[in-house]
Amino acid sequence: MQDTAHVIVRGETIKVLRRSAKYGIKLRLRKSGQLGTFLSDESIYLGLDEELSKTRLNELLEGKVIYL
């Protein structure tokens, strides 16, 4: 199942497409559409550790699919 959502990292709102995976979720960047559901846990996770979140966030912004 997939749905539209958004995360807020360092004050920046990022629209994503969320897909269910076997043991987590996958996020992919969206460029248009409504904000959708706010993913609070994923927002916190992407904002916690500087190094990890920086690489994950850059991958997401480059258009790659990230697995959380």
C-alpha atoms as a PDB file:
ATOM      1  CA  MET A   1       0.000   0.000   0.000  1.00  0.00           C
ATOM      2  CA  GLN A   2       1.196   3.520  -0.673  1.00  0.00           C
ATOM      3  CA  ASP A   3       0.018   6.987   0.256  1.00  0.00           C
ATOM      4  CA  THR A   4       1.113  10.601   0.108  1.00  0.00           C
ATOM      5  CA  ALA A   5       2.804  12.111   3.123  1.00  0.00           C
ATOM      6  CA  HIS A   6       5.312  14.721   4.240  1.00  0.00           C
ATOM      7  CA  VAL A   7       8.195  15.006   6.688  1.00  0.00           C
ATOM      8  CA  ILE A   8       9.585  18.121   8.337  1.00  0.00           C
ATOM      9  CA  VAL A   9      13.366  18.094   8.790  1.00  0.00           C
ATOM     10  CA  ARG A  10      15.207  21.180  10.090  1.00  0.00           C
ATOM     11  CA  GLY A  11      12.184  23.364   9.352  1.00  0.00           C
ATOM     12  CA  GLU A  12      11.920  22.207   5.727  1.00  0.00           C
ATOM     13  CA  THR A  13       8.765  20.400   4.556  1.00  0.00           C
ATOM     14  CA  ILE A  14       9.478  17.555   2.126  1.00  0.00           C
ATOM     15  CA  LYS A  15       6.675  15.825   0.224  1.00  0.00           C
ATOM     16  CA  VAL A  16       7.140  12.060  -0.005  1.00  0.00           C
ATOM     17  CA  LEU A  17       5.415   8.946  -1.250  1.00  0.00           C
ATOM     18  CA  ARG A  18       5.301   6.335   1.530  1.00  0.00           C
ATOM     19  CA  ARG A  19       5.202   2.635   0.665  1.00  0.00           C
ATOM     20  CA  SER A  20       4.878  -0.223   3.111  1.00  0.00           C
ATOM     21  CA  ALA A  21       7.733  -2.722   3.171  1.00  0.00           C
ATOM     22  CA  LYS A  22       8.049  -6.024   5.004  1.00  0.00           C
ATOM     23  CA  TYR A  23       9.906  -4.618   8.024  1.00  0.00           C
ATOM     24  CA  GLY A  24       9.584  -0.850   7.626  1.00  0.00           C
ATOM     25  CA  ILE A  25       8.661   1.773   5.079  1.00  0.00           C
ATOM     26  CA  LYS A  26      10.165   3.199   1.910  1.00  0.00           C
ATOM     27  CA  LEU A  27      10.101   6.903   1.116  1.00  0.00           C
ATOM     28  CA  ARG A  28      10.434   8.549  -2.282  1.00  0.00           C
ATOM     29  CA  LEU A  29      10.455  12.260  -3.102  1.00  0.00           C
ATOM     30  CA  ARG A  30       7.354  13.898  -4.608  1.00  0.00           C
ATOM     31  CA  LYS A  31       7.506  17.270  -6.309  1.00  0.00           C
ATOM     32  CA  SER A  32       3.827  18.191  -6.451  1.00  0.00           C
ATOM     33  CA  GLY A  33       0.459  17.532  -4.878  1.00  0.00           C
ATOM     34  CA  GLN A  34      -0.988  17.998  -1.441  1.00  0.00           C
ATOM     35  CA  LEU A  35       1.052  17.514   1.717  1.00  0.00           C
ATOM     36  CA  GLY A  36      -0.742  14.377   2.880  1.00  0.00           C
ATOM     37  CA  THR A  37      -0.131  12.670   6.225  1.00  0.00           C
ATOM     38  CA  PHE A  38       2.530  14.053   8.550  1.00  0.00           C
ATOM     39  CA  LEU A  39       5.134  11.393   9.406  1.00  0.00           C
ATOM     40  CA  SER A  40       6.243  12.488  12.867  1.00  0.00           C
ATOM     41  CA  ASP A  41       8.425   9.468  13.748  1.00  0.00           C
ATOM     42  CA  GLU A  42      10.251   9.602  10.422  1.00  0.00           C
ATOM     43  CA  SER A  43      10.766  13.358  10.799  1.00  0.00           C
ATOM     44  CA  ILE A  44      12.361  12.840  14.211  1.00  0.00           C
ATOM     45  CA  TYR A  45      14.538   9.983  12.916  1.00  0.00           C
ATOM     46  CA  LEU A  46      15.805  12.003   9.953  1.00  0.00           C
ATOM     47  CA  GLY A  47      16.611  14.940  12.248  1.00  0.00           C
ATOM     48  CA  LEU A  48      18.417  13.074  15.053  1.00  0.00           C
ATOM     49  CA  ASP A  49      21.943  12.102  14.024  1.00  0.00           C
ATOM     50  CA  GLU A  50      23.762  14.651  11.850  1.00  0.00           C
ATOM     51  CA  GLU A  51      25.809  12.214   9.753  1.00  0.00           C
ATOM     52  CA  LEU A  52      23.110   9.596   9.240  1.00  0.00           C
ATOM     53  CA  SER A  53      20.328  12.071   8.569  1.00  0.00           C
ATOM     54  CA  LYS A  54      22.507  14.106   6.213  1.00  0.00           C
ATOM     55  CA  THR A  55      23.244  11.129   3.956  1.00  0.00           C
ATOM     56  CA  ARG A  56      19.665   9.821   4.131  1.00  0.00           C
ATOM     57  CA  LEU A  57      18.209  13.255   3.490  1.00  0.00           C
ATOM     58  CA  ASN A  58      20.555  13.861   0.549  1.00  0.00           C
ATOM     59  CA  GLU A  59      19.599  10.496  -0.954  1.00  0.00           C
ATOM     60  CA  LEU A  60      15.917  11.372  -0.602  1.00  0.00           C
ATOM     61  CA  LEU A  61      16.372  14.820  -2.146  1.00  0.00           C
ATOM     62  CA  GLU A  62      18.317  13.295  -5.068  1.00  0.00           C
ATOM     63  CA  GLY A  63      15.248  11.215  -5.897  1.00  0.00           C
ATOM     64  CA  LYS A  64      16.449   7.883  -4.525  1.00  0.00           C
ATOM     65  CA  VAL A  65      14.206   5.581  -2.525  1.00  0.00           C
ATOM     66  CA  ILE A  66      15.243   5.309   1.129  1.00  0.00           C
ATOM     67  CA  TYR A  67      14.286   2.462   3.465  1.00  0.00           C
ATOM     68  CA  LEU A  68      13.502   3.208   7.103  1.00  0.00           C
END
